[in-house]
Amino acid sequence: MTVEIASPEPHARVRRTFTVRGLVDGLSLSTVSESRDGTGHLHAMVDIGCIAPRTKMPRIDGVAFRGAGDGTIEMELEPGPHSTVQIGDGFHSAVDITAHIEVFVVG
């Protein structure tokens, strides 16, 4: 299983609200309501790094964002530098698939 960030480009300057688009291979993406074994969705762990596999993904406003099940994550961040994206399974546990991206949010 792999994930890569299709957009934004590394070190991109983005607006406060932006979309991260990931390309996932080897895992079916699902919405939270469609979660089952063998599925997952993107999570963004902003500025705290990725968490250990099999650990529950935290729900922390402004730090943890959950994808829509289609490979995208809508994010709203404060101005400045920010980084990181991670895959979580359908039950919000981290899996060992990560992609790192750094962006600069302009105000």
N, C-alpha and C. Protein backbone atom coordinates (compact mmCIF):
# COMPACT_ATOMS: atom_id res chain seq x y z
N MET A 1 0.85 -1.18 0.00
CA MET A 1 0.00 0.00 0.00
C MET A 1 0.89 1.24 0.00
N THR A 2 0.46 2.21 -0.78
CA THR A 2 1.21 3.47 -0.84
C THR A 2 0.25 4.65 -0.90
N VAL A 3 0.76 5.81 -0.53
CA VAL A 3 0.02 7.06 -0.69
C VAL A 3 1.00 8.12 -1.13
N GLU A 4 0.56 8.98 -2.02
CA GLU A 4 1.35 10.14 -2.40
C GLU A 4 0.43 11.35 -2.47
N ILE A 5 1.00 12.51 -2.32
CA ILE A 5 0.22 13.74 -2.37
C ILE A 5 0.23 14.26 -3.80
N ALA A 6 -0.95 14.32 -4.42
CA ALA A 6 -1.09 14.82 -5.78
C ALA A 6 -1.14 16.34 -5.80
N SER A 7 -1.76 16.93 -4.80
CA SER A 7 -1.81 18.38 -4.67
C SER A 7 -2.16 18.75 -3.23
N PRO A 8 -1.67 19.86 -2.77
CA PRO A 8 -0.86 20.84 -3.47
C PRO A 8 0.58 20.35 -3.66
N GLU A 9 1.33 21.07 -4.45
CA GLU A 9 2.74 20.76 -4.66
C GLU A 9 3.51 20.99 -3.35
N PRO A 10 4.62 20.27 -3.15
CA PRO A 10 5.44 20.53 -1.97
C PRO A 10 5.87 22.00 -1.90
N HIS A 11 5.81 22.56 -0.72
CA HIS A 11 6.20 23.94 -0.43
C HIS A 11 5.31 24.97 -1.12
N ALA A 12 4.11 24.56 -1.52
CA ALA A 12 3.17 25.49 -2.15
C ALA A 12 2.69 26.53 -1.16
N ARG A 13 2.36 27.69 -1.69
CA ARG A 13 1.70 28.73 -0.91
C ARG A 13 0.21 28.54 -1.16
N VAL A 14 -0.56 28.33 -0.09
CA VAL A 14 -1.98 28.03 -0.22
C VAL A 14 -2.79 29.03 0.61
N ARG A 15 -4.07 29.13 0.30
CA ARG A 15 -4.98 29.96 1.09
C ARG A 15 -5.33 29.23 2.39
N ARG A 16 -5.94 29.93 3.31
CA ARG A 16 -6.28 29.33 4.61
C ARG A 16 -7.14 28.09 4.47
N THR A 17 -8.07 28.10 3.52
CA THR A 17 -8.89 26.92 3.24
C THR A 17 -8.41 26.32 1.92
N PHE A 18 -8.03 25.06 1.94
CA PHE A 18 -7.51 24.41 0.75
C PHE A 18 -7.78 22.91 0.81
N THR A 19 -7.56 22.24 -0.30
CA THR A 19 -7.81 20.80 -0.40
C THR A 19 -6.50 20.06 -0.61
N VAL A 20 -6.29 19.02 0.16
CA VAL A 20 -5.19 18.09 -0.07
C VAL A 20 -5.76 16.91 -0.82
N ARG A 21 -5.13 16.53 -1.93
CA ARG A 21 -5.58 15.39 -2.72
C ARG A 21 -4.49 14.32 -2.67
N GLY A 22 -4.87 13.14 -2.19
CA GLY A 22 -3.93 12.04 -2.11
C GLY A 22 -4.26 10.95 -3.11
N LEU A 23 -3.22 10.26 -3.57
CA LEU A 23 -3.38 9.10 -4.44
C LEU A 23 -3.00 7.87 -3.64
N VAL A 24 -3.95 6.98 -3.46
CA VAL A 24 -3.75 5.80 -2.62
C VAL A 24 -3.79 4.55 -3.49
N ASP A 25 -2.84 3.65 -3.29
CA ASP A 25 -2.79 2.39 -4.02
C ASP A 25 -2.77 1.25 -3.02
N GLY A 26 -3.62 0.26 -3.22
CA GLY A 26 -3.63 -0.92 -2.37
C GLY A 26 -4.59 -0.87 -1.20
N LEU A 27 -5.44 0.14 -1.14
CA LEU A 27 -6.43 0.27 -0.08
C LEU A 27 -7.66 0.95 -0.67
N SER A 28 -8.84 0.40 -0.40
CA SER A 28 -10.08 1.02 -0.84
C SER A 28 -10.42 2.16 0.09
N LEU A 29 -10.73 3.31 -0.48
CA LEU A 29 -11.13 4.46 0.33
C LEU A 29 -12.63 4.42 0.57
N SER A 30 -13.03 4.87 1.75
CA SER A 30 -14.45 4.88 2.11
C SER A 30 -14.75 6.08 2.97
N THR A 31 -16.03 6.42 3.04
CA THR A 31 -16.47 7.44 3.98
C THR A 31 -16.54 6.80 5.36
N VAL A 32 -16.69 7.61 6.37
CA VAL A 32 -16.79 7.09 7.73
C VAL A 32 -17.99 6.15 7.85
N SER A 33 -19.11 6.52 7.26
CA SER A 33 -20.32 5.69 7.38
C SER A 33 -20.23 4.39 6.61
N GLU A 34 -19.32 4.30 5.63
CA GLU A 34 -19.15 3.07 4.84
C GLU A 34 -17.97 2.23 5.31
N SER A 35 -17.37 2.58 6.43
CA SER A 35 -16.16 1.90 6.91
C SER A 35 -16.40 0.44 7.21
N ARG A 36 -15.42 -0.37 6.81
CA ARG A 36 -15.42 -1.80 7.11
C ARG A 36 -13.97 -2.27 7.00
N ASP A 37 -13.70 -3.51 7.36
CA ASP A 37 -12.35 -4.04 7.23
C ASP A 37 -11.85 -3.88 5.81
N GLY A 38 -10.59 -3.49 5.66
CA GLY A 38 -10.00 -3.34 4.34
C GLY A 38 -10.23 -1.99 3.69
N THR A 39 -10.87 -1.06 4.40
CA THR A 39 -11.08 0.28 3.87
C THR A 39 -10.40 1.30 4.76
N GLY A 40 -10.29 2.51 4.28
CA GLY A 40 -9.71 3.59 5.07
C GLY A 40 -9.97 4.92 4.42
N HIS A 41 -9.44 5.95 5.01
CA HIS A 41 -9.54 7.29 4.45
C HIS A 41 -8.35 8.10 4.93
N LEU A 42 -8.10 9.21 4.24
CA LEU A 42 -6.96 10.05 4.60
C LEU A 42 -7.22 10.79 5.90
N HIS A 43 -6.17 10.97 6.66
CA HIS A 43 -6.18 11.82 7.84
C HIS A 43 -4.99 12.77 7.71
N ALA A 44 -5.13 13.97 8.17
CA ALA A 44 -4.01 14.90 8.22
C ALA A 44 -3.71 15.18 9.69
N MET A 45 -2.50 14.91 10.08
CA MET A 45 -2.04 15.18 11.44
C MET A 45 -1.13 16.40 11.33
N VAL A 46 -1.70 17.57 11.39
CA VAL A 46 -1.00 18.81 11.08
C VAL A 46 -0.01 19.19 12.18
N ASP A 47 1.24 19.32 11.79
CA ASP A 47 2.32 19.82 12.63
C ASP A 47 2.65 18.95 13.85
N ILE A 48 2.06 17.77 13.97
CA ILE A 48 2.39 16.91 15.11
C ILE A 48 3.07 15.63 14.65
N GLY A 49 3.30 15.50 13.35
CA GLY A 49 3.91 14.29 12.82
C GLY A 49 2.89 13.16 12.76
N CYS A 50 3.30 12.07 12.15
CA CYS A 50 2.40 10.92 12.04
C CYS A 50 2.41 10.13 13.33
N ILE A 51 1.33 9.42 13.58
CA ILE A 51 1.24 8.63 14.81
C ILE A 51 1.54 7.17 14.49
N ALA A 52 1.82 6.40 15.52
CA ALA A 52 2.22 5.01 15.36
C ALA A 52 1.08 4.16 14.78
N PRO A 53 1.42 3.19 13.93
CA PRO A 53 0.41 2.28 13.39
C PRO A 53 -0.40 1.62 14.51
N ARG A 54 -1.68 1.38 14.22
CA ARG A 54 -2.64 0.75 15.12
C ARG A 54 -3.04 1.64 16.30
N THR A 55 -2.60 2.91 16.29
CA THR A 55 -3.02 3.88 17.30
C THR A 55 -4.25 4.61 16.79
N LYS A 56 -5.21 4.87 17.66
CA LYS A 56 -6.40 5.62 17.25
C LYS A 56 -6.00 7.03 16.82
N MET A 57 -6.56 7.45 15.69
CA MET A 57 -6.31 8.80 15.21
C MET A 57 -7.00 9.79 16.14
N PRO A 58 -6.30 10.81 16.62
CA PRO A 58 -6.93 11.77 17.53
C PRO A 58 -7.92 12.67 16.80
N ARG A 59 -8.84 13.24 17.56
CA ARG A 59 -9.76 14.25 17.02
C ARG A 59 -9.46 15.55 17.74
N ILE A 60 -8.60 16.34 17.14
CA ILE A 60 -8.15 17.58 17.74
C ILE A 60 -8.41 18.69 16.74
N ASP A 61 -9.30 19.61 17.06
CA ASP A 61 -9.61 20.71 16.13
C ASP A 61 -8.35 21.47 15.74
N GLY A 62 -8.21 21.74 14.44
CA GLY A 62 -7.09 22.50 13.94
C GLY A 62 -5.82 21.70 13.78
N VAL A 63 -5.83 20.43 14.19
CA VAL A 63 -4.65 19.57 14.08
C VAL A 63 -4.98 18.31 13.32
N ALA A 64 -6.12 17.70 13.59
CA ALA A 64 -6.50 16.44 12.95
C ALA A 64 -7.67 16.67 12.01
N PHE A 65 -7.49 16.28 10.75
CA PHE A 65 -8.53 16.42 9.74
C PHE A 65 -8.78 15.06 9.11
N ARG A 66 -10.04 14.75 8.85
CA ARG A 66 -10.42 13.46 8.28
C ARG A 66 -10.92 13.67 6.86
N GLY A 67 -10.49 12.79 5.96
CA GLY A 67 -10.89 12.89 4.56
C GLY A 67 -12.31 12.44 4.33
N ALA A 68 -12.80 12.73 3.13
CA ALA A 68 -14.19 12.45 2.75
C ALA A 68 -14.38 11.06 2.16
N GLY A 69 -13.32 10.27 2.08
CA GLY A 69 -13.45 8.95 1.49
C GLY A 69 -13.16 8.92 0.00
N ASP A 70 -12.82 10.07 -0.57
CA ASP A 70 -12.55 10.15 -2.00
C ASP A 70 -11.10 10.55 -2.30
N GLY A 71 -10.25 10.50 -1.30
CA GLY A 71 -8.85 10.88 -1.50
C GLY A 71 -8.58 12.35 -1.27
N THR A 72 -9.57 13.09 -0.76
CA THR A 72 -9.35 14.51 -0.49
C THR A 72 -9.57 14.81 0.99
N ILE A 73 -8.92 15.88 1.42
CA ILE A 73 -9.13 16.41 2.77
C ILE A 73 -9.28 17.91 2.63
N GLU A 74 -10.39 18.44 3.11
CA GLU A 74 -10.59 19.88 3.14
C GLU A 74 -9.98 20.39 4.44
N MET A 75 -9.10 21.39 4.33
CA MET A 75 -8.40 21.88 5.51
C MET A 75 -8.54 23.39 5.62
N GLU A 76 -8.53 23.86 6.85
CA GLU A 76 -8.47 25.29 7.13
C GLU A 76 -7.43 25.48 8.22
N LEU A 77 -6.36 26.21 7.88
CA LEU A 77 -5.24 26.38 8.80
C LEU A 77 -4.88 27.84 8.98
N GLU A 78 -4.27 28.13 10.09
CA GLU A 78 -3.77 29.48 10.37
C GLU A 78 -2.59 29.75 9.43
N PRO A 79 -2.33 31.03 9.14
CA PRO A 79 -1.18 31.37 8.30
C PRO A 79 0.13 30.85 8.89
N GLY A 80 1.04 30.47 7.99
CA GLY A 80 2.35 29.99 8.38
C GLY A 80 2.65 28.63 7.78
N PRO A 81 3.79 28.03 8.14
CA PRO A 81 4.18 26.72 7.60
C PRO A 81 3.46 25.59 8.32
N HIS A 82 3.07 24.56 7.57
CA HIS A 82 2.39 23.39 8.13
C HIS A 82 2.79 22.14 7.35
N SER A 83 2.59 20.96 7.97
CA SER A 83 2.98 19.73 7.28
C SER A 83 2.25 18.49 7.77
N THR A 84 2.20 17.46 6.91
CA THR A 84 1.99 16.02 7.12
C THR A 84 0.60 15.47 6.77
N VAL A 85 0.55 14.25 6.27
CA VAL A 85 -0.69 13.52 5.97
C VAL A 85 -0.46 12.06 6.30
N GLN A 86 -1.50 11.37 6.77
CA GLN A 86 -1.39 9.96 7.14
C GLN A 86 -2.68 9.23 6.78
N ILE A 87 -2.57 7.94 6.50
CA ILE A 87 -3.74 7.11 6.22
C ILE A 87 -4.22 6.48 7.51
N GLY A 88 -5.53 6.50 7.71
CA GLY A 88 -6.15 5.77 8.81
C GLY A 88 -7.10 4.74 8.24
N ASP A 89 -7.30 3.66 8.95
CA ASP A 89 -8.23 2.65 8.45
C ASP A 89 -9.66 3.10 8.67
N GLY A 90 -10.61 2.28 8.27
CA GLY A 90 -12.01 2.64 8.37
C GLY A 90 -12.50 2.83 9.79
N PHE A 91 -11.70 2.41 10.75
CA PHE A 91 -12.08 2.53 12.15
C PHE A 91 -11.21 3.56 12.87
N HIS A 92 -10.55 4.43 12.11
CA HIS A 92 -9.75 5.54 12.61
C HIS A 92 -8.51 5.10 13.37
N SER A 93 -7.95 3.97 13.03
CA SER A 93 -6.65 3.57 13.56
C SER A 93 -5.62 3.83 12.48
N ALA A 94 -4.46 4.32 12.89
CA ALA A 94 -3.40 4.63 11.93
C ALA A 94 -2.86 3.35 11.30
N VAL A 95 -2.53 3.44 10.03
CA VAL A 95 -1.82 2.35 9.36
C VAL A 95 -0.46 2.91 8.95
N ASP A 96 0.45 2.03 8.60
CA ASP A 96 1.81 2.43 8.33
C ASP A 96 1.98 2.89 6.88
N ILE A 97 1.15 3.84 6.48
CA ILE A 97 1.24 4.45 5.15
C ILE A 97 1.20 5.96 5.37
N THR A 98 2.25 6.63 5.02
CA THR A 98 2.29 8.07 5.24
C THR A 98 2.88 8.78 4.03
N ALA A 99 2.53 10.03 3.89
CA ALA A 99 3.14 10.92 2.92
C ALA A 99 3.31 12.25 3.61
N HIS A 100 4.40 12.87 3.37
CA HIS A 100 4.71 14.13 4.05
C HIS A 100 4.67 15.26 3.03
N ILE A 101 4.04 16.36 3.40
CA ILE A 101 4.03 17.53 2.54
C ILE A 101 4.13 18.75 3.44
N GLU A 102 4.84 19.74 2.95
CA GLU A 102 4.93 21.03 3.66
C GLU A 102 4.29 22.08 2.78
N VAL A 103 3.46 22.92 3.38
CA VAL A 103 2.84 24.04 2.67
C VAL A 103 2.99 25.29 3.51
N PHE A 104 2.83 26.43 2.88
CA PHE A 104 2.83 27.69 3.60
C PHE A 104 1.49 28.36 3.37
N VAL A 105 0.74 28.53 4.44
CA VAL A 105 -0.58 29.16 4.36
C VAL A 105 -0.42 30.67 4.44
N VAL A 106 -1.00 31.35 3.44
CA VAL A 106 -0.96 32.81 3.42
C VAL A 106 -2.29 33.33 3.96
N GLY A 107 -2.25 34.44 4.65
CA GLY A 107 -3.44 34.98 5.29
C GLY A 107 -4.22 35.85 4.36
